Amino acid sequence: MKDIAVAVALYNNEKEVIEFAKGLLKQTAADRIQLLVTCNACKDVEAFKRDMAEVMPSAKVFDPGKNLGYLNGCLYGVKGSVSDYSWVMVSNTDIEFKEQDFFERAVENVSEDIWCISPDIVLSATGVHQNPFLKDRPSKKRVMIWKIAYSNYLFFRLYFKLSELKPKKPQTGVLKDSTVYAVHGSCFILSRDCVKSLLPVCKKIFMYGEELLVAEVIHENKKKALFKASVGIVHNENQVTGSIGMARKQKWFKNSFNYLTEKFFKN
């Protein structure tokens, strides 16, 4: 029985997605895993389907005919599969699992109030740990600062230039399993109920601010996100969005944070 879905979005990185599928097949829970691939951008969808079928015949490939973004694209595949999965992992494909029993360990001994699980995510290039993304819910003031920073192109460029100057140091302390407000978007596992709550709103934002959207849906439903330091992945950070211009990114950030502030941080 395939009760765990792994949902990914393909964006002109067909070879990477194939290699990711090979990594899933090495997992001890491989028989439980259903790979769902949404083709946001693909040179030849039919050719990719043939290549994927040779590696993982059970994988399902979806072609929405346009770029749906990351979270919305991944959940498009979940919705299209018409199956009721216990857990859905939304993930980049530029990752490697540290443990062969990653999935069993990730979801074991998890209480019913946990709607999201995320592992220890380590950047291969720097050793920086990307989780926890945010330990505590940000104040309305902080969210408004983000909104202003993304509101026009000049502020946007300045904000990210200043962010680049701030050094990111590798984690030195011992990380422990803990509940957090938000987890990093490169890899997280959602409960069945969390997915159902996200489906109506995931189309409201595009590419950016998705960690906050997931966190707020969990917060709104009085559930929790779990950072599980006892399981890990290596994030190789092959950014498929690197070729996208800053002006387009600024527009997407602006639209996403306009929605987030209006929906969740207005009062």
C-alpha atoms as a PDB file:
ATOM      1  CA  MET A   1       0.000   0.000   0.000  1.00  0.00           C
ATOM      2  CA  LYS A   2       1.409   3.365  -1.063  1.00  0.00           C
ATOM      3  CA  ASP A   3       0.448   5.591   1.860  1.00  0.00           C
ATOM      4  CA  ILE A   4       3.283   8.146   1.486  1.00  0.00           C
ATOM      5  CA  ALA A   5       3.295  10.537  -1.464  1.00  0.00           C
ATOM      6  CA  VAL A   6       6.438  12.373  -2.515  1.00  0.00           C
ATOM      7  CA  ALA A   7       5.374  15.383  -4.556  1.00  0.00           C
ATOM      8  CA  VAL A   8       7.877  17.349  -6.626  1.00  0.00           C
ATOM      9  CA  ALA A   9       7.756  20.054  -9.285  1.00  0.00           C
ATOM     10  CA  LEU A  10       9.883  19.687 -12.405  1.00  0.00           C
ATOM     11  CA  TYR A  11      11.277  22.852 -13.975  1.00  0.00           C
ATOM     12  CA  ASN A  12      13.639  21.979 -16.842  1.00  0.00           C
ATOM     13  CA  ASN A  13      15.582  19.621 -14.558  1.00  0.00           C
ATOM     14  CA  GLU A  14      14.507  16.248 -15.900  1.00  0.00           C
ATOM     15  CA  LYS A  15      17.818  14.473 -15.185  1.00  0.00           C
ATOM     16  CA  GLU A  16      17.815  15.655 -11.574  1.00  0.00           C
ATOM     17  CA  VAL A  17      14.269  14.377 -11.052  1.00  0.00           C
ATOM     18  CA  ILE A  18      15.263  10.976 -12.472  1.00  0.00           C
ATOM     19  CA  GLU A  19      18.218  10.795 -10.069  1.00  0.00           C
ATOM     20  CA  PHE A  20      15.919  11.786  -7.211  1.00  0.00           C
ATOM     21  CA  ALA A  21      13.599   8.892  -8.113  1.00  0.00           C
ATOM     22  CA  LYS A  22      16.560   6.510  -8.000  1.00  0.00           C
ATOM     23  CA  GLY A  23      17.299   7.767  -4.481  1.00  0.00           C
ATOM     24  CA  LEU A  24      13.729   7.023  -3.406  1.00  0.00           C
ATOM     25  CA  LEU A  25      14.060   3.455  -4.645  1.00  0.00           C
ATOM     26  CA  LYS A  26      16.939   2.933  -2.204  1.00  0.00           C
ATOM     27  CA  GLN A  27      14.695   3.754   0.740  1.00  0.00           C
ATOM     28  CA  THR A  28      13.507   0.850   2.889  1.00  0.00           C
ATOM     29  CA  ALA A  29       9.996   2.289   2.569  1.00  0.00           C
ATOM     30  CA  ALA A  30      10.151   2.346  -1.252  1.00  0.00           C
ATOM     31  CA  ASP A  31       7.102   0.090  -1.586  1.00  0.00           C
ATOM     32  CA  ARG A  32       5.053   2.604   0.415  1.00  0.00           C
ATOM     33  CA  ILE A  33       6.124   5.637  -1.636  1.00  0.00           C
ATOM     34  CA  GLN A  34       4.156   7.135  -4.541  1.00  0.00           C
ATOM     35  CA  LEU A  35       6.217   9.647  -6.525  1.00  0.00           C
ATOM     36  CA  LEU A  36       4.158  12.463  -8.059  1.00  0.00           C
ATOM     37  CA  VAL A  37       5.851  14.771 -10.571  1.00  0.00           C
ATOM     38  CA  THR A  38       4.251  17.980 -11.834  1.00  0.00           C
ATOM     39  CA  CYS A  39       5.880  19.341 -15.003  1.00  0.00           C
ATOM     40  CA  ASN A  40       5.959  23.108 -14.539  1.00  0.00           C
ATOM     41  CA  ALA A  41       8.386  23.342 -17.455  1.00  0.00           C
ATOM     42  CA  CYS A  42       9.616  20.384 -19.493  1.00  0.00           C
ATOM     43  CA  LYS A  43      11.214  20.163 -22.929  1.00  0.00           C
ATOM     44  CA  ASP A  44       9.366  16.959 -23.840  1.00  0.00           C
ATOM     45  CA  VAL A  45       6.824  15.625 -21.353  1.00  0.00           C
ATOM     46  CA  GLU A  46       6.214  12.369 -23.219  1.00  0.00           C
ATOM     47  CA  ALA A  47       9.939  11.647 -23.426  1.00  0.00           C
ATOM     48  CA  PHE A  48      10.287  12.351 -19.709  1.00  0.00           C
ATOM     49  CA  LYS A  49       7.395  10.003 -18.938  1.00  0.00           C
ATOM     50  CA  ARG A  50       9.163   7.232 -20.870  1.00  0.00           C
ATOM     51  CA  ASP A  51      12.443   7.863 -19.069  1.00  0.00           C
ATOM     52  CA  MET A  52      10.717   7.911 -15.684  1.00  0.00           C
ATOM     53  CA  ALA A  53       8.803   4.705 -16.454  1.00  0.00           C
ATOM     54  CA  GLU A  54      12.107   2.895 -17.017  1.00  0.00           C
ATOM     55  CA  VAL A  55      13.357   3.935 -13.580  1.00  0.00           C
ATOM     56  CA  MET A  56      10.150   3.975 -11.525  1.00  0.00           C
ATOM     57  CA  PRO A  57       7.103   2.594 -13.369  1.00  0.00           C
ATOM     58  CA  SER A  58       4.777   3.486 -10.490  1.00  0.00           C
ATOM     59  CA  ALA A  59       5.573   7.226 -10.671  1.00  0.00           C
ATOM     60  CA  LYS A  60       2.805   9.517 -11.873  1.00  0.00           C
ATOM     61  CA  VAL A  61       3.602  12.496 -14.089  1.00  0.00           C
ATOM     62  CA  PHE A  62       1.256  15.461 -14.499  1.00  0.00           C
ATOM     63  CA  ASP A  63       1.354  18.221 -17.110  1.00  0.00           C
ATOM     64  CA  PRO A  64      -0.718  21.289 -16.159  1.00  0.00           C
ATOM     65  CA  GLY A  65       0.443  23.133 -19.280  1.00  0.00           C
ATOM     66  CA  LYS A  66       1.915  26.038 -17.319  1.00  0.00           C
ATOM     67  CA  ASN A  67       4.185  26.872 -14.391  1.00  0.00           C
ATOM     68  CA  LEU A  68       2.156  26.493 -11.187  1.00  0.00           C
ATOM     69  CA  GLY A  69       5.023  27.338  -8.857  1.00  0.00           C
ATOM     70  CA  TYR A  70       6.486  25.127  -6.149  1.00  0.00           C
ATOM     71  CA  LEU A  71       3.894  24.354  -3.472  1.00  0.00           C
ATOM     72  CA  ASN A  72       0.895  24.704  -5.750  1.00  0.00           C
ATOM     73  CA  GLY A  73       2.641  22.598  -8.388  1.00  0.00           C
ATOM     74  CA  CYS A  74       3.453  19.815  -5.942  1.00  0.00           C
ATOM     75  CA  LEU A  75      -0.076  19.755  -4.531  1.00  0.00           C
ATOM     76  CA  TYR A  76      -1.473  19.740  -8.097  1.00  0.00           C
ATOM     77  CA  GLY A  77       0.052  16.295  -8.414  1.00  0.00           C
ATOM     78  CA  VAL A  78      -1.414  15.208  -5.086  1.00  0.00           C
ATOM     79  CA  LYS A  79      -4.869  16.372  -6.119  1.00  0.00           C
ATOM     80  CA  GLY A  80      -4.515  14.762  -9.533  1.00  0.00           C
ATOM     81  CA  SER A  81      -3.514  11.394  -8.114  1.00  0.00           C
ATOM     82  CA  VAL A  82      -6.957  11.007  -6.488  1.00  0.00           C
ATOM     83  CA  SER A  83      -5.520   8.951  -3.610  1.00  0.00           C
ATOM     84  CA  ASP A  84      -5.791   9.490   0.121  1.00  0.00           C
ATOM     85  CA  TYR A  85      -2.222   9.483   1.451  1.00  0.00           C
ATOM     86  CA  SER A  86      -1.414   9.464   5.154  1.00  0.00           C
ATOM     87  CA  TRP A  87       1.600  11.710   4.536  1.00  0.00           C
ATOM     88  CA  VAL A  88       2.732  13.909   1.643  1.00  0.00           C
ATOM     89  CA  MET A  89       6.346  15.002   1.331  1.00  0.00           C
ATOM     90  CA  VAL A  90       6.773  18.224  -0.632  1.00  0.00           C
ATOM     91  CA  SER A  91      10.383  18.405  -1.702  1.00  0.00           C
ATOM     92  CA  ASN A  92      13.070  19.829  -3.928  1.00  0.00           C
ATOM     93  CA  THR A  93      14.828  17.211  -6.020  1.00  0.00           C
ATOM     94  CA  ASP A  94      18.340  18.489  -5.283  1.00  0.00           C
ATOM     95  CA  ILE A  95      18.514  16.595  -1.988  1.00  0.00           C
ATOM     96  CA  GLU A  96      20.037  13.377  -0.665  1.00  0.00           C
ATOM     97  CA  PHE A  97      18.676  11.328   2.222  1.00  0.00           C
ATOM     98  CA  LYS A  98      21.111  10.650   5.048  1.00  0.00           C
ATOM     99  CA  GLU A  99      19.274   7.531   6.197  1.00  0.00           C
ATOM    100  CA  GLN A 100      17.907   4.655   4.145  1.00  0.00           C
ATOM    101  CA  ASP A 101      15.003   4.384   6.593  1.00  0.00           C
ATOM    102  CA  PHE A 102      14.349   8.132   6.424  1.00  0.00           C
ATOM    103  CA  PHE A 103      10.587   7.879   5.958  1.00  0.00           C
ATOM    104  CA  GLU A 104       9.925   5.370   8.753  1.00  0.00           C
ATOM    105  CA  ARG A 105      11.981   7.425  11.182  1.00  0.00           C
ATOM    106  CA  ALA A 106      10.434  10.718  10.085  1.00  0.00           C
ATOM    107  CA  VAL A 107       6.824   9.725  10.758  1.00  0.00           C
ATOM    108  CA  GLU A 108       7.246   7.329  13.699  1.00  0.00           C
ATOM    109  CA  ASN A 109       5.958   8.317  17.150  1.00  0.00           C
ATOM    110  CA  VAL A 110       4.256  11.462  15.839  1.00  0.00           C
ATOM    111  CA  SER A 111       1.153  12.684  17.684  1.00  0.00           C
ATOM    112  CA  GLU A 112      -2.092  13.528  15.868  1.00  0.00           C
ATOM    113  CA  ASP A 113      -1.673  17.270  16.456  1.00  0.00           C
ATOM    114  CA  ILE A 114       1.463  17.319  14.261  1.00  0.00           C
ATOM    115  CA  TRP A 115       0.512  18.519  10.791  1.00  0.00           C
ATOM    116  CA  CYS A 116       4.001  19.062   9.397  1.00  0.00           C
ATOM    117  CA  ILE A 117       7.372  17.354   9.868  1.00  0.00           C
ATOM    118  CA  SER A 118      10.693  18.579   8.545  1.00  0.00           C
ATOM    119  CA  PRO A 119      14.155  17.024   8.885  1.00  0.00           C
ATOM    120  CA  ASP A 120      17.538  18.507   9.613  1.00  0.00           C
ATOM    121  CA  ILE A 121      18.439  20.111   6.266  1.00  0.00           C
ATOM    122  CA  VAL A 122      22.139  20.805   5.755  1.00  0.00           C
ATOM    123  CA  LEU A 123      23.497  22.824   2.842  1.00  0.00           C
ATOM    124  CA  SER A 124      26.256  20.756   1.259  1.00  0.00           C
ATOM    125  CA  ALA A 125      28.299  23.804   0.229  1.00  0.00           C
ATOM    126  CA  THR A 126      28.427  25.578   3.596  1.00  0.00           C
ATOM    127  CA  GLY A 127      27.268  23.180   6.305  1.00  0.00           C
ATOM    128  CA  VAL A 128      24.537  25.614   7.308  1.00  0.00           C
ATOM    129  CA  HIS A 129      21.420  24.037   8.841  1.00  0.00           C
ATOM    130  CA  GLN A 130      18.280  25.453   7.193  1.00  0.00           C
ATOM    131  CA  ASN A 131      15.926  24.287   9.931  1.00  0.00           C
ATOM    132  CA  PRO A 132      14.261  25.473  12.030  1.00  0.00           C
ATOM    133  CA  PHE A 133      13.172  28.103   9.503  1.00  0.00           C
ATOM    134  CA  LEU A 134      11.352  30.139  12.174  1.00  0.00           C
ATOM    135  CA  LYS A 135      11.094  28.945  15.753  1.00  0.00           C
ATOM    136  CA  ASP A 136       8.364  31.427  16.716  1.00  0.00           C
ATOM    137  CA  ARG A 137       5.524  33.139  14.893  1.00  0.00           C
ATOM    138  CA  PRO A 138       6.660  36.561  13.639  1.00  0.00           C
ATOM    139  CA  SER A 139       4.999  39.670  14.966  1.00  0.00           C
ATOM    140  CA  LYS A 140       2.675  41.711  12.789  1.00  0.00           C
ATOM    141  CA  LYS A 141       5.339  44.452  12.768  1.00  0.00           C
ATOM    142  CA  ARG A 142       7.980  42.100  11.408  1.00  0.00           C
ATOM    143  CA  VAL A 143       5.662  40.807   8.682  1.00  0.00           C
ATOM    144  CA  MET A 144       4.823  44.389   7.685  1.00  0.00           C
ATOM    145  CA  ILE A 145       8.549  45.144   7.372  1.00  0.00           C
ATOM    146  CA  TRP A 146       8.867  42.209   4.982  1.00  0.00           C
ATOM    147  CA  LYS A 147       5.852  43.452   3.041  1.00  0.00           C
ATOM    148  CA  ILE A 148       7.376  46.922   2.680  1.00  0.00           C
ATOM    149  CA  ALA A 149      10.751  45.460   1.690  1.00  0.00           C
ATOM    150  CA  TYR A 150       9.083  43.534  -1.132  1.00  0.00           C
ATOM    151  CA  SER A 151       6.729  46.347  -2.171  1.00  0.00           C
ATOM    152  CA  ASN A 152       8.949  47.888  -4.855  1.00  0.00           C
ATOM    153  CA  TYR A 153      11.998  46.936  -6.860  1.00  0.00           C
ATOM    154  CA  LEU A 154      14.458  49.318  -5.166  1.00  0.00           C
ATOM    155  CA  PHE A 155      13.556  48.187  -1.635  1.00  0.00           C
ATOM    156  CA  PHE A 156      13.648  44.580  -2.797  1.00  0.00           C
ATOM    157  CA  ARG A 157      17.183  44.820  -4.207  1.00  0.00           C
ATOM    158  CA  LEU A 158      18.427  46.679  -1.130  1.00  0.00           C
ATOM    159  CA  TYR A 159      16.861  44.179   1.287  1.00  0.00           C
ATOM    160  CA  PHE A 160      18.453  41.191  -0.406  1.00  0.00           C
ATOM    161  CA  LYS A 161      21.800  42.936  -0.788  1.00  0.00           C
ATOM    162  CA  LEU A 162      21.852  43.537   2.971  1.00  0.00           C
ATOM    163  CA  SER A 163      20.812  39.908   3.585  1.00  0.00           C
ATOM    164  CA  GLU A 164      23.768  38.696   1.516  1.00  0.00           C
ATOM    165  CA  LEU A 165      26.163  40.713   3.690  1.00  0.00           C
ATOM    166  CA  LYS A 166      24.977  38.937   6.845  1.00  0.00           C
ATOM    167  CA  PRO A 167      27.179  35.872   7.377  1.00  0.00           C
ATOM    168  CA  LYS A 168      25.477  32.501   7.707  1.00  0.00           C
ATOM    169  CA  LYS A 169      27.390  30.448  10.235  1.00  0.00           C
ATOM    170  CA  PRO A 170      27.199  26.663  10.531  1.00  0.00           C
ATOM    171  CA  GLN A 171      25.222  25.333  13.497  1.00  0.00           C
ATOM    172  CA  THR A 172      27.534  24.599  16.409  1.00  0.00           C
ATOM    173  CA  GLY A 173      25.104  23.409  19.099  1.00  0.00           C
ATOM    174  CA  VAL A 174      23.299  20.094  19.282  1.00  0.00           C
ATOM    175  CA  LEU A 175      19.983  20.176  17.435  1.00  0.00           C
ATOM    176  CA  LYS A 176      17.013  18.495  19.098  1.00  0.00           C
ATOM    177  CA  ASP A 177      13.522  17.501  17.969  1.00  0.00           C
ATOM    178  CA  SER A 178      11.176  20.377  18.743  1.00  0.00           C
ATOM    179  CA  THR A 179       7.927  22.004  17.684  1.00  0.00           C
ATOM    180  CA  VAL A 180       8.470  25.174  15.670  1.00  0.00           C
ATOM    181  CA  TYR A 181       6.428  27.794  13.844  1.00  0.00           C
ATOM    182  CA  ALA A 182       7.770  27.270  10.312  1.00  0.00           C
ATOM    183  CA  VAL A 183      10.033  24.790   8.534  1.00  0.00           C
ATOM    184  CA  HIS A 184      12.230  25.245   5.484  1.00  0.00           C
ATOM    185  CA  GLY A 185      10.505  24.788   2.148  1.00  0.00           C
ATOM    186  CA  SER A 186      13.082  22.532   0.497  1.00  0.00           C
ATOM    187  CA  CYS A 187      11.694  19.424   2.225  1.00  0.00           C
ATOM    188  CA  PHE A 188       8.743  18.915   4.545  1.00  0.00           C
ATOM    189  CA  ILE A 189       6.115  16.253   5.194  1.00  0.00           C
ATOM    190  CA  LEU A 190       2.437  17.156   5.545  1.00  0.00           C
ATOM    191  CA  SER A 191      -0.337  15.194   7.195  1.00  0.00           C
ATOM    192  CA  ARG A 192      -3.460  14.267   5.237  1.00  0.00           C
ATOM    193  CA  ASP A 193      -5.519  16.936   7.047  1.00  0.00           C
ATOM    194  CA  CYS A 194      -2.906  19.628   6.455  1.00  0.00           C
ATOM    195  CA  VAL A 195      -2.944  18.923   2.718  1.00  0.00           C
ATOM    196  CA  LYS A 196      -6.735  19.201   2.657  1.00  0.00           C
ATOM    197  CA  SER A 197      -6.525  22.590   4.383  1.00  0.00           C
ATOM    198  CA  LEU A 198      -3.785  23.843   2.049  1.00  0.00           C
ATOM    199  CA  LEU A 199      -5.432  22.878  -1.240  1.00  0.00           C
ATOM    200  CA  PRO A 200      -7.953  25.776  -1.246  1.00  0.00           C
ATOM    201  CA  VAL A 201      -5.289  28.440  -0.535  1.00  0.00           C
ATOM    202  CA  CYS A 202      -2.062  27.209  -2.160  1.00  0.00           C
ATOM    203  CA  LYS A 203      -2.997  28.950  -5.412  1.00  0.00           C
ATOM    204  CA  LYS A 204      -3.113  32.326  -3.667  1.00  0.00           C
ATOM    205  CA  ILE A 205       0.668  32.785  -3.660  1.00  0.00           C
ATOM    206  CA  PHE A 206       3.370  31.944  -6.175  1.00  0.00           C
ATOM    207  CA  MET A 207       6.865  30.609  -5.441  1.00  0.00           C
ATOM    208  CA  TYR A 208       7.647  32.758  -2.399  1.00  0.00           C
ATOM    209  CA  GLY A 209       6.263  33.010   1.140  1.00  0.00           C
ATOM    210  CA  GLU A 210       5.161  29.392   1.017  1.00  0.00           C
ATOM    211  CA  GLU A 211       6.790  28.520   4.345  1.00  0.00           C
ATOM    212  CA  LEU A 212       4.635  31.184   5.991  1.00  0.00           C
ATOM    213  CA  LEU A 213       1.506  29.969   4.237  1.00  0.00           C
ATOM    214  CA  VAL A 214       2.001  26.422   5.516  1.00  0.00           C
ATOM    215  CA  ALA A 215       2.843  27.727   8.994  1.00  0.00           C
ATOM    216  CA  GLU A 216      -0.245  29.931   9.145  1.00  0.00           C
ATOM    217  CA  VAL A 217      -2.596  27.177   7.998  1.00  0.00           C
ATOM    218  CA  ILE A 218      -1.187  25.005  10.786  1.00  0.00           C
ATOM    219  CA  HIS A 219      -1.456  27.860  13.293  1.00  0.00           C
ATOM    220  CA  GLU A 220      -5.009  28.694  12.196  1.00  0.00           C
ATOM    221  CA  ASN A 221      -6.071  25.094  12.822  1.00  0.00           C
ATOM    222  CA  LYS A 222      -4.325  25.012  16.231  1.00  0.00           C
ATOM    223  CA  LYS A 223      -1.931  22.274  15.124  1.00  0.00           C
ATOM    224  CA  LYS A 224       1.871  22.036  15.225  1.00  0.00           C
ATOM    225  CA  ALA A 225       4.953  21.709  13.023  1.00  0.00           C
ATOM    226  CA  LEU A 226       7.727  19.378  14.151  1.00  0.00           C
ATOM    227  CA  PHE A 227      11.407  19.872  13.413  1.00  0.00           C
ATOM    228  CA  LYS A 228      12.829  16.356  13.565  1.00  0.00           C
ATOM    229  CA  ALA A 229      16.574  16.756  14.045  1.00  0.00           C
ATOM    230  CA  SER A 230      17.022  13.007  14.331  1.00  0.00           C
ATOM    231  CA  VAL A 231      16.581  12.520  10.554  1.00  0.00           C
ATOM    232  CA  GLY A 232      18.418  14.463   7.908  1.00  0.00           C
ATOM    233  CA  ILE A 233      18.958  15.380   4.292  1.00  0.00           C
ATOM    234  CA  VAL A 234      21.768  17.066   2.389  1.00  0.00           C
ATOM    235  CA  HIS A 235      20.598  19.995   0.281  1.00  0.00           C
ATOM    236  CA  ASN A 236      22.751  20.512  -2.805  1.00  0.00           C
ATOM    237  CA  GLU A 237      20.854  23.707  -3.665  1.00  0.00           C
ATOM    238  CA  ASN A 238      20.783  23.473  -7.447  1.00  0.00           C
ATOM    239  CA  GLN A 239      18.381  26.392  -7.788  1.00  0.00           C
ATOM    240  CA  VAL A 240      16.202  25.949 -10.853  1.00  0.00           C
ATOM    241  CA  THR A 241      14.911  29.509 -10.356  1.00  0.00           C
ATOM    242  CA  GLY A 242      18.369  31.048 -10.673  1.00  0.00           C
ATOM    243  CA  SER A 243      17.709  32.270 -14.213  1.00  0.00           C
ATOM    244  CA  ILE A 244      14.593  34.212 -13.209  1.00  0.00           C
ATOM    245  CA  GLY A 245      15.105  37.979 -13.213  1.00  0.00           C
ATOM    246  CA  MET A 246      14.926  40.066 -10.047  1.00  0.00           C
ATOM    247  CA  ALA A 247      12.010  42.121 -11.357  1.00  0.00           C
ATOM    248  CA  ARG A 248       9.810  39.019 -11.718  1.00  0.00           C
ATOM    249  CA  LYS A 249      10.890  37.719  -8.323  1.00  0.00           C
ATOM    250  CA  GLN A 250      10.017  41.061  -6.719  1.00  0.00           C
ATOM    251  CA  LYS A 251       6.553  40.937  -8.229  1.00  0.00           C
ATOM    252  CA  TRP A 252       5.984  37.408  -6.913  1.00  0.00           C
ATOM    253  CA  PHE A 253       7.269  38.294  -3.440  1.00  0.00           C
ATOM    254  CA  LYS A 254       5.050  41.385  -3.376  1.00  0.00           C
ATOM    255  CA  ASN A 255       1.899  39.518  -4.397  1.00  0.00           C
ATOM    256  CA  SER A 256       2.544  36.677  -1.963  1.00  0.00           C
ATOM    257  CA  PHE A 257       3.139  38.920   1.041  1.00  0.00           C
ATOM    258  CA  ASN A 258       0.185  41.130   0.166  1.00  0.00           C
ATOM    259  CA  TYR A 259      -1.984  38.019   0.436  1.00  0.00           C
ATOM    260  CA  LEU A 260      -0.305  36.683   3.583  1.00  0.00           C
ATOM    261  CA  THR A 261      -0.586  39.948   5.494  1.00  0.00           C
ATOM    262  CA  GLU A 262      -4.200  40.507   4.448  1.00  0.00           C
ATOM    263  CA  LYS A 263      -5.246  36.921   5.211  1.00  0.00           C
ATOM    264  CA  PHE A 264      -3.330  36.140   8.407  1.00  0.00           C
ATOM    265  CA  PHE A 265      -1.737  39.280   9.912  1.00  0.00           C
ATOM    266  CA  LYS A 266      -4.353  41.959   9.379  1.00  0.00           C
ATOM    267  CA  ASN A 267      -5.496  42.095  13.013  1.00  0.00           C
END
